[in-house]
Amino acid sequence: MEFLDIPLFDDDFIKMVFRFIINFSFLTLIIRFVYYPYSKRKDYVFTYYLISVIVFFLCFTLKKYEMDIGMALGLFAIFGIIRYRTDAIPIKEMTYLFVVIGVSIINSLANKKMSYAEIIGANVIIIAVLVIIERYWALKQEESKSIVYENIENIKPENYEILKRDLEKRTGLEINNVTIGDIDFLRDIAKVTIFYFKGK
């Protein structure tokens, strides 16, 4: 049965729903249980879900049409030039964005040449790699913070340990290194930069 030359229902609808359930389940594992516990960024959770869902349905829909390779590549090149003008996306968040787009494409474009075992296996391997790297192999990220310091006596090289302990007490951070910047002897202040591991 058709309406305005468009079928009201075909067998691909069941296939689309089933693949969407698979895709959404693995996306939830990646976004909610791998990414979010380490980043705590709710804004990116929203972004990843919406982009991955749209990419899934876009790719699944495009399978129904005859397109030359130039048009297909041009369409997906759009994703390569998308930039959020408000804030720059950190490299880790950009990597997860690539992961959720890639997973959605894999789950939506798979055809008869690829079994469900291969589809699920690919998803499981991706998640396993993410968990291993995120939980066990991820290197500690060192961050820095500039501070205006008023105890000018402690900036002397021989008082480095005193300076470090004083800054740790004031900031509550476990400091790896301290560097001295500009010194103002008229006001007895100095700009110091502390280095510490994120999350410590």
N, C-alpha and C. Protein backbone atom coordinates (compact mmCIF):
# COMPACT_ATOMS: atom_id res chain seq x y z
N MET A 1 0.84 -1.19 0.00
CA MET A 1 0.00 0.00 0.00
C MET A 1 0.89 1.25 0.00
N GLU A 2 0.51 2.20 -0.84
CA GLU A 2 1.29 3.42 -0.97
C GLU A 2 0.41 4.65 -0.75
N PHE A 3 1.06 5.73 -0.37
CA PHE A 3 0.40 7.02 -0.25
C PHE A 3 1.32 8.06 -0.87
N LEU A 4 0.81 8.73 -1.92
CA LEU A 4 1.59 9.71 -2.67
C LEU A 4 2.89 9.07 -3.18
N ASP A 5 2.77 7.87 -3.72
CA ASP A 5 3.86 7.11 -4.33
C ASP A 5 4.93 6.68 -3.34
N ILE A 6 4.62 6.71 -2.05
CA ILE A 6 5.58 6.29 -1.02
C ILE A 6 4.94 5.14 -0.24
N PRO A 7 5.64 4.00 -0.11
CA PRO A 7 5.07 2.87 0.65
C PRO A 7 4.83 3.25 2.10
N LEU A 8 3.71 2.80 2.66
CA LEU A 8 3.41 3.07 4.05
C LEU A 8 4.26 2.20 4.98
N PHE A 9 4.66 1.03 4.52
CA PHE A 9 5.45 0.12 5.37
C PHE A 9 6.24 -0.83 4.48
N ASP A 10 7.47 -1.13 4.90
CA ASP A 10 8.23 -2.20 4.24
C ASP A 10 9.07 -2.92 5.29
N ASP A 11 9.73 -3.98 4.88
CA ASP A 11 10.48 -4.83 5.81
C ASP A 11 11.68 -4.09 6.42
N ASP A 12 12.16 -3.04 5.76
CA ASP A 12 13.32 -2.31 6.28
C ASP A 12 13.01 -1.58 7.58
N PHE A 13 11.73 -1.35 7.85
CA PHE A 13 11.38 -0.67 9.10
C PHE A 13 11.77 -1.51 10.30
N ILE A 14 11.47 -2.82 10.26
CA ILE A 14 11.83 -3.72 11.36
C ILE A 14 13.35 -3.79 11.49
N LYS A 15 14.04 -3.85 10.36
CA LYS A 15 15.50 -3.88 10.37
C LYS A 15 16.07 -2.60 10.97
N MET A 16 15.47 -1.46 10.64
CA MET A 16 15.95 -0.18 11.16
C MET A 16 15.77 -0.11 12.67
N VAL A 17 14.61 -0.54 13.17
CA VAL A 17 14.35 -0.49 14.61
C VAL A 17 15.30 -1.41 15.36
N PHE A 18 15.50 -2.62 14.83
CA PHE A 18 16.39 -3.58 15.50
C PHE A 18 17.82 -3.06 15.55
N ARG A 19 18.30 -2.50 14.45
CA ARG A 19 19.66 -1.97 14.43
C ARG A 19 19.80 -0.73 15.31
N PHE A 20 18.73 0.07 15.37
CA PHE A 20 18.78 1.24 16.24
C PHE A 20 18.90 0.83 17.71
N ILE A 21 18.16 -0.23 18.09
CA ILE A 21 18.26 -0.72 19.47
C ILE A 21 19.68 -1.17 19.77
N ILE A 22 20.30 -1.91 18.83
CA ILE A 22 21.69 -2.34 19.01
C ILE A 22 22.61 -1.13 19.13
N ASN A 23 22.44 -0.17 18.21
CA ASN A 23 23.29 1.02 18.18
C ASN A 23 23.14 1.84 19.46
N PHE A 24 21.90 2.05 19.88
CA PHE A 24 21.66 2.88 21.08
C PHE A 24 22.20 2.19 22.33
N SER A 25 22.11 0.88 22.39
CA SER A 25 22.63 0.15 23.54
C SER A 25 24.13 0.32 23.67
N PHE A 26 24.84 0.16 22.55
CA PHE A 26 26.30 0.30 22.60
C PHE A 26 26.71 1.76 22.81
N LEU A 27 25.94 2.69 22.26
CA LEU A 27 26.22 4.10 22.50
C LEU A 27 26.09 4.43 23.98
N THR A 28 25.09 3.86 24.63
CA THR A 28 24.89 4.10 26.06
C THR A 28 26.07 3.57 26.86
N LEU A 29 26.58 2.40 26.48
CA LEU A 29 27.75 1.85 27.16
C LEU A 29 28.95 2.79 27.00
N ILE A 30 29.13 3.31 25.78
CA ILE A 30 30.27 4.19 25.51
C ILE A 30 30.12 5.53 26.21
N ILE A 31 28.97 6.18 26.01
CA ILE A 31 28.78 7.55 26.49
C ILE A 31 28.54 7.60 27.99
N ARG A 32 27.61 6.76 28.46
CA ARG A 32 27.17 6.88 29.86
C ARG A 32 28.08 6.13 30.84
N PHE A 33 28.64 5.01 30.40
CA PHE A 33 29.38 4.18 31.33
C PHE A 33 30.90 4.16 31.11
N VAL A 34 31.37 4.69 29.99
CA VAL A 34 32.82 4.80 29.77
C VAL A 34 33.26 6.26 29.80
N TYR A 35 32.61 7.10 28.99
CA TYR A 35 33.01 8.51 28.90
C TYR A 35 32.63 9.32 30.13
N TYR A 36 31.34 9.30 30.52
CA TYR A 36 30.85 10.22 31.55
C TYR A 36 31.49 10.02 32.93
N PRO A 37 31.71 8.78 33.42
CA PRO A 37 32.30 8.64 34.76
C PRO A 37 33.66 9.31 34.91
N TYR A 38 34.40 9.48 33.80
CA TYR A 38 35.73 10.08 33.89
C TYR A 38 35.72 11.57 33.57
N SER A 39 34.76 12.02 32.76
CA SER A 39 34.76 13.43 32.35
C SER A 39 33.77 14.29 33.12
N LYS A 40 32.61 13.71 33.49
CA LYS A 40 31.55 14.45 34.19
C LYS A 40 31.04 15.64 33.37
N ARG A 41 31.08 15.52 32.04
CA ARG A 41 30.61 16.61 31.17
C ARG A 41 29.23 16.26 30.61
N LYS A 42 28.17 16.78 31.26
CA LYS A 42 26.81 16.47 30.84
C LYS A 42 26.49 17.09 29.47
N ASP A 43 27.12 18.24 29.17
CA ASP A 43 26.82 18.90 27.90
C ASP A 43 27.26 18.03 26.73
N TYR A 44 28.40 17.36 26.86
CA TYR A 44 28.87 16.50 25.77
C TYR A 44 28.08 15.21 25.69
N VAL A 45 27.54 14.73 26.82
CA VAL A 45 26.67 13.55 26.78
C VAL A 45 25.47 13.83 25.88
N PHE A 46 24.85 14.98 26.07
CA PHE A 46 23.72 15.39 25.22
C PHE A 46 24.14 15.45 23.74
N THR A 47 25.28 16.09 23.50
CA THR A 47 25.76 16.25 22.12
C THR A 47 26.03 14.91 21.46
N TYR A 48 26.72 14.00 22.17
CA TYR A 48 27.07 12.70 21.59
C TYR A 48 25.83 11.89 21.24
N TYR A 49 24.85 11.88 22.14
CA TYR A 49 23.63 11.12 21.86
C TYR A 49 22.92 11.66 20.62
N LEU A 50 22.74 12.96 20.57
CA LEU A 50 21.98 13.54 19.47
C LEU A 50 22.70 13.38 18.13
N ILE A 51 24.00 13.63 18.12
CA ILE A 51 24.75 13.50 16.87
C ILE A 51 24.75 12.05 16.39
N SER A 52 24.97 11.11 17.30
CA SER A 52 25.04 9.70 16.90
C SER A 52 23.69 9.20 16.39
N VAL A 53 22.60 9.63 17.02
CA VAL A 53 21.27 9.21 16.56
C VAL A 53 20.98 9.77 15.17
N ILE A 54 21.29 11.06 14.97
CA ILE A 54 21.07 11.66 13.65
C ILE A 54 21.93 10.99 12.58
N VAL A 55 23.19 10.72 12.90
CA VAL A 55 24.08 10.07 11.94
C VAL A 55 23.55 8.68 11.60
N PHE A 56 23.06 7.94 12.59
CA PHE A 56 22.53 6.60 12.34
C PHE A 56 21.38 6.66 11.33
N PHE A 57 20.39 7.50 11.59
CA PHE A 57 19.23 7.55 10.70
C PHE A 57 19.60 8.15 9.35
N LEU A 58 20.55 9.08 9.33
CA LEU A 58 21.00 9.65 8.06
C LEU A 58 21.63 8.57 7.19
N CYS A 59 22.54 7.79 7.79
CA CYS A 59 23.21 6.73 7.02
C CYS A 59 22.24 5.65 6.59
N PHE A 60 21.34 5.26 7.50
CA PHE A 60 20.38 4.22 7.15
C PHE A 60 19.48 4.68 6.01
N THR A 61 19.07 5.94 6.06
CA THR A 61 18.22 6.49 5.00
C THR A 61 18.94 6.56 3.67
N LEU A 62 20.23 6.96 3.72
CA LEU A 62 20.99 7.11 2.48
C LEU A 62 21.20 5.78 1.77
N LYS A 63 21.13 4.67 2.52
CA LYS A 63 21.26 3.35 1.90
C LYS A 63 20.14 3.09 0.90
N LYS A 64 19.03 3.77 1.07
CA LYS A 64 17.86 3.52 0.23
C LYS A 64 17.95 4.25 -1.12
N TYR A 65 18.95 5.12 -1.26
CA TYR A 65 19.04 5.93 -2.47
C TYR A 65 20.29 5.58 -3.25
N GLU A 66 20.22 5.78 -4.54
CA GLU A 66 21.38 5.59 -5.40
C GLU A 66 22.18 6.89 -5.45
N MET A 67 23.42 6.84 -4.96
CA MET A 67 24.26 8.03 -4.97
C MET A 67 25.61 7.68 -5.55
N ASP A 68 26.20 8.61 -6.31
CA ASP A 68 27.55 8.36 -6.77
C ASP A 68 28.52 8.62 -5.63
N ILE A 69 29.74 8.15 -5.80
CA ILE A 69 30.72 8.22 -4.72
C ILE A 69 31.08 9.67 -4.37
N GLY A 70 31.06 10.55 -5.37
CA GLY A 70 31.39 11.95 -5.12
C GLY A 70 30.39 12.62 -4.20
N MET A 71 29.11 12.36 -4.43
CA MET A 71 28.08 12.96 -3.58
C MET A 71 28.17 12.41 -2.17
N ALA A 72 28.41 11.12 -2.04
CA ALA A 72 28.51 10.51 -0.71
C ALA A 72 29.69 11.08 0.07
N LEU A 73 30.84 11.17 -0.58
CA LEU A 73 32.02 11.71 0.10
C LEU A 73 31.81 13.18 0.45
N GLY A 74 31.17 13.92 -0.44
CA GLY A 74 30.91 15.33 -0.16
C GLY A 74 29.99 15.51 1.02
N LEU A 75 29.01 14.61 1.14
CA LEU A 75 28.07 14.70 2.25
C LEU A 75 28.77 14.46 3.59
N PHE A 76 29.61 13.42 3.64
CA PHE A 76 30.28 13.11 4.89
C PHE A 76 31.45 14.05 5.17
N ALA A 77 31.91 14.78 4.15
CA ALA A 77 32.95 15.78 4.38
C ALA A 77 32.43 16.93 5.24
N ILE A 78 31.08 17.08 5.26
CA ILE A 78 30.49 18.12 6.09
C ILE A 78 30.88 17.92 7.55
N PHE A 79 30.92 16.66 7.98
CA PHE A 79 31.27 16.39 9.38
C PHE A 79 32.71 16.79 9.68
N GLY A 80 33.54 16.79 8.66
CA GLY A 80 34.94 17.14 8.87
C GLY A 80 35.17 18.62 9.06
N ILE A 81 34.21 19.45 8.66
CA ILE A 81 34.40 20.90 8.77
C ILE A 81 33.49 21.53 9.83
N ILE A 82 32.72 20.69 10.53
CA ILE A 82 31.86 21.22 11.60
C ILE A 82 32.73 21.73 12.73
N ARG A 83 32.50 22.95 13.16
CA ARG A 83 33.20 23.51 14.31
C ARG A 83 32.21 24.24 15.18
N TYR A 84 32.35 24.09 16.49
CA TYR A 84 31.50 24.84 17.42
C TYR A 84 32.19 26.17 17.69
N ARG A 85 31.53 27.26 17.32
CA ARG A 85 32.16 28.58 17.38
C ARG A 85 32.25 29.13 18.79
N THR A 86 31.53 28.56 19.74
CA THR A 86 31.55 29.11 21.10
C THR A 86 32.84 28.73 21.81
N ASP A 87 33.11 27.44 21.93
CA ASP A 87 34.30 26.96 22.63
C ASP A 87 34.99 25.91 21.77
N ALA A 88 36.29 25.88 21.86
CA ALA A 88 37.04 24.84 21.18
C ALA A 88 36.80 23.51 21.88
N ILE A 89 36.62 22.43 21.10
CA ILE A 89 36.37 21.12 21.68
C ILE A 89 37.70 20.49 22.06
N PRO A 90 37.87 20.09 23.31
CA PRO A 90 39.11 19.43 23.70
C PRO A 90 39.35 18.17 22.87
N ILE A 91 40.60 17.78 22.74
CA ILE A 91 40.96 16.67 21.86
C ILE A 91 40.30 15.37 22.30
N LYS A 92 40.19 15.15 23.62
CA LYS A 92 39.55 13.92 24.09
C LYS A 92 38.08 13.87 23.72
N GLU A 93 37.36 15.00 23.89
CA GLU A 93 35.95 15.05 23.53
C GLU A 93 35.78 14.89 22.02
N MET A 94 36.70 15.46 21.25
CA MET A 94 36.63 15.29 19.80
C MET A 94 36.83 13.83 19.41
N THR A 95 37.69 13.12 20.12
CA THR A 95 37.91 11.70 19.85
C THR A 95 36.65 10.90 20.12
N TYR A 96 36.00 11.17 21.25
CA TYR A 96 34.75 10.47 21.55
C TYR A 96 33.67 10.81 20.53
N LEU A 97 33.66 12.04 20.05
CA LEU A 97 32.71 12.41 19.00
C LEU A 97 32.94 11.57 17.75
N PHE A 98 34.21 11.38 17.38
CA PHE A 98 34.54 10.54 16.23
C PHE A 98 34.11 9.10 16.48
N VAL A 99 34.28 8.62 17.72
CA VAL A 99 33.90 7.24 18.06
C VAL A 99 32.40 7.03 17.89
N VAL A 100 31.58 7.94 18.46
CA VAL A 100 30.12 7.73 18.39
C VAL A 100 29.62 7.87 16.96
N ILE A 101 30.24 8.75 16.16
CA ILE A 101 29.86 8.84 14.75
C ILE A 101 30.24 7.56 14.02
N GLY A 102 31.45 7.07 14.27
CA GLY A 102 31.91 5.85 13.62
C GLY A 102 31.06 4.64 13.98
N VAL A 103 30.70 4.50 15.26
CA VAL A 103 29.86 3.38 15.68
C VAL A 103 28.49 3.44 15.01
N SER A 104 27.93 4.63 14.94
CA SER A 104 26.62 4.79 14.31
C SER A 104 26.67 4.45 12.82
N ILE A 105 27.75 4.82 12.15
CA ILE A 105 27.90 4.50 10.73
C ILE A 105 28.04 3.00 10.54
N ILE A 106 28.86 2.35 11.38
CA ILE A 106 29.03 0.90 11.28
C ILE A 106 27.70 0.18 11.45
N ASN A 107 26.94 0.58 12.45
CA ASN A 107 25.68 -0.11 12.75
C ASN A 107 24.59 0.16 11.73
N SER A 108 24.66 1.27 11.04
CA SER A 108 23.59 1.62 10.10
C SER A 108 23.88 1.15 8.68
N LEU A 109 25.15 1.12 8.27
CA LEU A 109 25.49 0.81 6.88
C LEU A 109 25.82 -0.66 6.64
N ALA A 110 25.87 -1.47 7.70
CA ALA A 110 26.18 -2.89 7.52
C ALA A 110 25.12 -3.54 6.62
N ASN A 111 25.59 -4.42 5.72
CA ASN A 111 24.66 -5.09 4.80
C ASN A 111 24.75 -6.60 4.96
N LYS A 112 24.24 -7.34 3.97
CA LYS A 112 24.19 -8.79 4.05
C LYS A 112 25.58 -9.43 4.10
N LYS A 113 26.61 -8.69 3.67
CA LYS A 113 27.96 -9.23 3.70
C LYS A 113 28.55 -9.23 5.12
N MET A 114 27.84 -8.60 6.05
CA MET A 114 28.33 -8.51 7.43
C MET A 114 27.27 -9.08 8.37
N SER A 115 27.64 -10.10 9.14
CA SER A 115 26.70 -10.74 10.04
C SER A 115 26.49 -9.89 11.29
N TYR A 116 25.43 -10.23 12.03
CA TYR A 116 25.20 -9.53 13.30
C TYR A 116 26.29 -9.83 14.30
N ALA A 117 26.88 -11.02 14.21
CA ALA A 117 27.99 -11.36 15.10
C ALA A 117 29.17 -10.42 14.86
N GLU A 118 29.42 -10.09 13.59
CA GLU A 118 30.51 -9.16 13.26
C GLU A 118 30.18 -7.74 13.72
N ILE A 119 28.93 -7.35 13.55
CA ILE A 119 28.51 -6.00 13.99
C ILE A 119 28.67 -5.86 15.50
N ILE A 120 28.12 -6.83 16.24
CA ILE A 120 28.21 -6.78 17.70
C ILE A 120 29.66 -6.93 18.15
N GLY A 121 30.41 -7.80 17.46
CA GLY A 121 31.82 -7.98 17.81
C GLY A 121 32.61 -6.69 17.65
N ALA A 122 32.36 -5.96 16.56
CA ALA A 122 33.06 -4.69 16.33
C ALA A 122 32.73 -3.69 17.43
N ASN A 123 31.46 -3.63 17.83
CA ASN A 123 31.06 -2.72 18.90
C ASN A 123 31.70 -3.10 20.23
N VAL A 124 31.72 -4.38 20.52
CA VAL A 124 32.31 -4.85 21.78
C VAL A 124 33.80 -4.54 21.83
N ILE A 125 34.49 -4.75 20.72
CA ILE A 125 35.94 -4.48 20.66
C ILE A 125 36.21 -3.00 20.87
N ILE A 126 35.41 -2.13 20.25
CA ILE A 126 35.58 -0.68 20.41
C ILE A 126 35.41 -0.29 21.87
N ILE A 127 34.35 -0.81 22.51
CA ILE A 127 34.11 -0.48 23.91
C ILE A 127 35.22 -1.02 24.80
N ALA A 128 35.68 -2.25 24.52
CA ALA A 128 36.75 -2.85 25.31
C ALA A 128 38.02 -2.02 25.23
N VAL A 129 38.36 -1.55 24.03
CA VAL A 129 39.56 -0.71 23.87
C VAL A 129 39.41 0.59 24.64
N LEU A 130 38.21 1.20 24.57
CA LEU A 130 37.97 2.45 25.30
C LEU A 130 38.13 2.25 26.80
N VAL A 131 37.56 1.16 27.33
CA VAL A 131 37.64 0.90 28.77
C VAL A 131 39.08 0.67 29.19
N ILE A 132 39.82 -0.12 28.42
CA ILE A 132 41.21 -0.43 28.77
C ILE A 132 42.05 0.84 28.79
N ILE A 133 41.92 1.66 27.74
CA ILE A 133 42.72 2.88 27.66
C ILE A 133 42.30 3.88 28.72
N GLU A 134 40.98 4.04 28.90
CA GLU A 134 40.46 5.04 29.84
C GLU A 134 40.79 4.68 31.28
N ARG A 135 40.67 3.41 31.62
CA ARG A 135 40.80 3.00 33.02
C ARG A 135 42.22 2.59 33.39
N TYR A 136 42.93 1.94 32.47
CA TYR A 136 44.21 1.35 32.84
C TYR A 136 45.42 1.99 32.16
N TRP A 137 45.26 2.47 30.93
CA TRP A 137 46.41 2.97 30.19
C TRP A 137 46.48 4.48 30.11
N ALA A 138 45.41 5.17 30.45
CA ALA A 138 45.38 6.63 30.30
C ALA A 138 46.48 7.26 31.16
N LEU A 139 47.29 8.11 30.55
CA LEU A 139 48.33 8.82 31.29
C LEU A 139 47.73 9.96 32.08
N LYS A 140 48.30 10.25 33.21
CA LYS A 140 47.81 11.35 34.02
C LYS A 140 48.03 12.67 33.28
N GLN A 141 47.04 13.51 33.31
CA GLN A 141 47.10 14.79 32.61
C GLN A 141 47.59 15.88 33.55
N GLU A 142 48.74 16.46 33.21
CA GLU A 142 49.30 17.52 34.04
C GLU A 142 48.72 18.86 33.62
N GLU A 143 48.28 19.63 34.60
CA GLU A 143 47.74 20.95 34.35
C GLU A 143 48.56 21.99 35.10
N SER A 144 48.38 23.24 34.71
CA SER A 144 49.12 24.33 35.35
C SER A 144 48.18 25.44 35.76
N LYS A 145 48.63 26.22 36.73
CA LYS A 145 47.83 27.34 37.22
C LYS A 145 48.78 28.45 37.65
N SER A 146 48.48 29.67 37.21
CA SER A 146 49.31 30.83 37.58
C SER A 146 48.78 31.46 38.86
N ILE A 147 49.70 31.82 39.75
CA ILE A 147 49.33 32.36 41.06
C ILE A 147 50.19 33.58 41.36
N VAL A 148 49.58 34.61 41.94
CA VAL A 148 50.33 35.76 42.43
C VAL A 148 50.71 35.45 43.88
N TYR A 149 52.01 35.39 44.15
CA TYR A 149 52.52 34.96 45.46
C TYR A 149 53.19 36.14 46.17
N GLU A 150 52.82 36.34 47.46
CA GLU A 150 53.28 37.54 48.16
C GLU A 150 54.46 37.31 49.09
N ASN A 151 54.75 36.05 49.42
CA ASN A 151 55.86 35.78 50.35
C ASN A 151 57.16 35.71 49.54
N ILE A 152 57.74 36.87 49.29
CA ILE A 152 58.85 36.99 48.34
C ILE A 152 60.10 36.22 48.79
N GLU A 153 60.25 36.01 50.08
CA GLU A 153 61.44 35.30 50.58
C GLU A 153 61.48 33.85 50.12
N ASN A 154 60.33 33.27 49.89
CA ASN A 154 60.27 31.85 49.55
C ASN A 154 60.61 31.55 48.10
N ILE A 155 60.76 32.60 47.26
CA ILE A 155 61.05 32.34 45.85
C ILE A 155 62.55 32.09 45.61
N LYS A 156 63.36 32.23 46.63
CA LYS A 156 64.79 31.96 46.48
C LYS A 156 64.99 30.46 46.21
N PRO A 157 65.98 30.11 45.39
CA PRO A 157 66.22 28.70 45.05
C PRO A 157 66.38 27.79 46.26
N GLU A 158 67.05 28.29 47.30
CA GLU A 158 67.27 27.45 48.48
C GLU A 158 65.98 27.24 49.29
N ASN A 159 64.94 28.03 49.00
CA ASN A 159 63.67 27.90 49.72
C ASN A 159 62.59 27.22 48.87
N TYR A 160 63.02 26.49 47.85
CA TYR A 160 62.06 25.89 46.92
C TYR A 160 61.08 24.95 47.64
N GLU A 161 61.59 24.09 48.51
CA GLU A 161 60.72 23.13 49.22
C GLU A 161 59.74 23.85 50.13
N ILE A 162 60.19 24.93 50.76
CA ILE A 162 59.29 25.73 51.61
C ILE A 162 58.18 26.35 50.76
N LEU A 163 58.57 26.88 49.60
CA LEU A 163 57.60 27.47 48.67
C LEU A 163 56.58 26.43 48.23
N LYS A 164 57.07 25.26 47.86
CA LYS A 164 56.18 24.20 47.37
C LYS A 164 55.20 23.76 48.46
N ARG A 165 55.69 23.56 49.68
CA ARG A 165 54.81 23.13 50.77
C ARG A 165 53.77 24.22 51.10
N ASP A 166 54.19 25.48 51.06
CA ASP A 166 53.28 26.58 51.33
C ASP A 166 52.17 26.64 50.29
N LEU A 167 52.53 26.46 49.02
CA LEU A 167 51.54 26.50 47.94
C LEU A 167 50.60 25.30 48.02
N GLU A 168 51.13 24.14 48.38
CA GLU A 168 50.29 22.95 48.53
C GLU A 168 49.28 23.14 49.65
N LYS A 169 49.72 23.76 50.74
CA LYS A 169 48.83 24.00 51.87
C LYS A 169 47.72 24.98 51.50
N ARG A 170 48.07 25.99 50.73
CA ARG A 170 47.08 27.02 50.37
C ARG A 170 46.11 26.54 49.30
N THR A 171 46.62 25.78 48.32
CA THR A 171 45.77 25.36 47.19
C THR A 171 45.10 24.02 47.42
N GLY A 172 45.66 23.21 48.31
CA GLY A 172 45.11 21.87 48.52
C GLY A 172 45.45 20.91 47.41
N LEU A 173 46.43 21.27 46.57
CA LEU A 173 46.85 20.43 45.44
C LEU A 173 48.19 19.77 45.73
N GLU A 174 48.38 18.59 45.15
CA GLU A 174 49.67 17.93 45.23
C GLU A 174 50.51 18.41 44.04
N ILE A 175 51.44 19.30 44.31
CA ILE A 175 52.17 20.01 43.26
C ILE A 175 53.39 19.21 42.81
N ASN A 176 53.57 19.13 41.49
CA ASN A 176 54.73 18.43 40.92
C ASN A 176 55.92 19.36 40.75
N ASN A 177 55.63 20.59 40.34
CA ASN A 177 56.72 21.53 40.06
C ASN A 177 56.21 22.96 40.19
N VAL A 178 57.12 23.87 40.50
CA VAL A 178 56.80 25.29 40.62
C VAL A 178 57.83 26.08 39.82
N THR A 179 57.36 26.98 38.98
CA THR A 179 58.28 27.86 38.25
C THR A 179 57.99 29.31 38.64
N ILE A 180 59.06 30.11 38.68
CA ILE A 180 58.95 31.52 39.06
C ILE A 180 58.90 32.37 37.80
N GLY A 181 57.91 33.27 37.74
CA GLY A 181 57.79 34.17 36.61
C GLY A 181 58.25 35.57 36.95
N ASP A 182 57.42 36.56 36.66
CA ASP A 182 57.76 37.96 36.93
C ASP A 182 57.82 38.23 38.43
N ILE A 183 58.80 39.05 38.83
CA ILE A 183 58.97 39.42 40.23
C ILE A 183 58.87 40.93 40.37
N ASP A 184 58.04 41.38 41.31
CA ASP A 184 57.87 42.81 41.57
C ASP A 184 58.37 43.08 42.99
N PHE A 185 59.62 43.59 43.12
CA PHE A 185 60.20 43.85 44.43
C PHE A 185 59.58 45.08 45.10
N LEU A 186 58.98 45.97 44.30
CA LEU A 186 58.34 47.14 44.89
C LEU A 186 57.11 46.75 45.71
N ARG A 187 56.36 45.77 45.21
CA ARG A 187 55.16 45.33 45.92
C ARG A 187 55.36 43.99 46.63
N ASP A 188 56.57 43.45 46.54
CA ASP A 188 56.90 42.18 47.18
C ASP A 188 55.96 41.05 46.74
N ILE A 189 55.77 40.93 45.43
CA ILE A 189 54.96 39.83 44.89
C ILE A 189 55.70 39.20 43.71
N ALA A 190 55.35 37.98 43.43
CA ALA A 190 55.92 37.28 42.27
C ALA A 190 54.83 36.42 41.64
N LYS A 191 54.91 36.24 40.34
CA LYS A 191 53.99 35.35 39.63
C LYS A 191 54.63 33.97 39.54
N VAL A 192 53.97 32.98 40.11
CA VAL A 192 54.49 31.62 40.06
C VAL A 192 53.48 30.74 39.33
N THR A 193 53.98 29.70 38.69
CA THR A 193 53.13 28.73 37.98
C THR A 193 53.32 27.37 38.64
N ILE A 194 52.22 26.78 39.06
CA ILE A 194 52.29 25.45 39.68
C ILE A 194 51.81 24.41 38.67
N PHE A 195 52.38 23.23 38.74
CA PHE A 195 52.03 22.12 37.87
C PHE A 195 51.56 20.96 38.75
N TYR A 196 50.44 20.37 38.38
CA TYR A 196 49.86 19.29 39.16
C TYR A 196 49.07 18.37 38.25
N PHE A 197 48.83 17.15 38.71
CA PHE A 197 48.05 16.20 37.92
C PHE A 197 46.57 16.43 38.15
N LYS A 198 45.81 16.42 37.07
CA LYS A 198 44.38 16.61 37.16
C LYS A 198 43.74 15.46 37.93
N GLY A 199 42.85 15.81 38.84
CA GLY A 199 42.14 14.80 39.60
C GLY A 199 42.83 14.39 40.87
N LYS A 200 44.00 14.98 41.15
CA LYS A 200 44.71 14.63 42.38
C LYS A 200 44.55 15.74 43.40
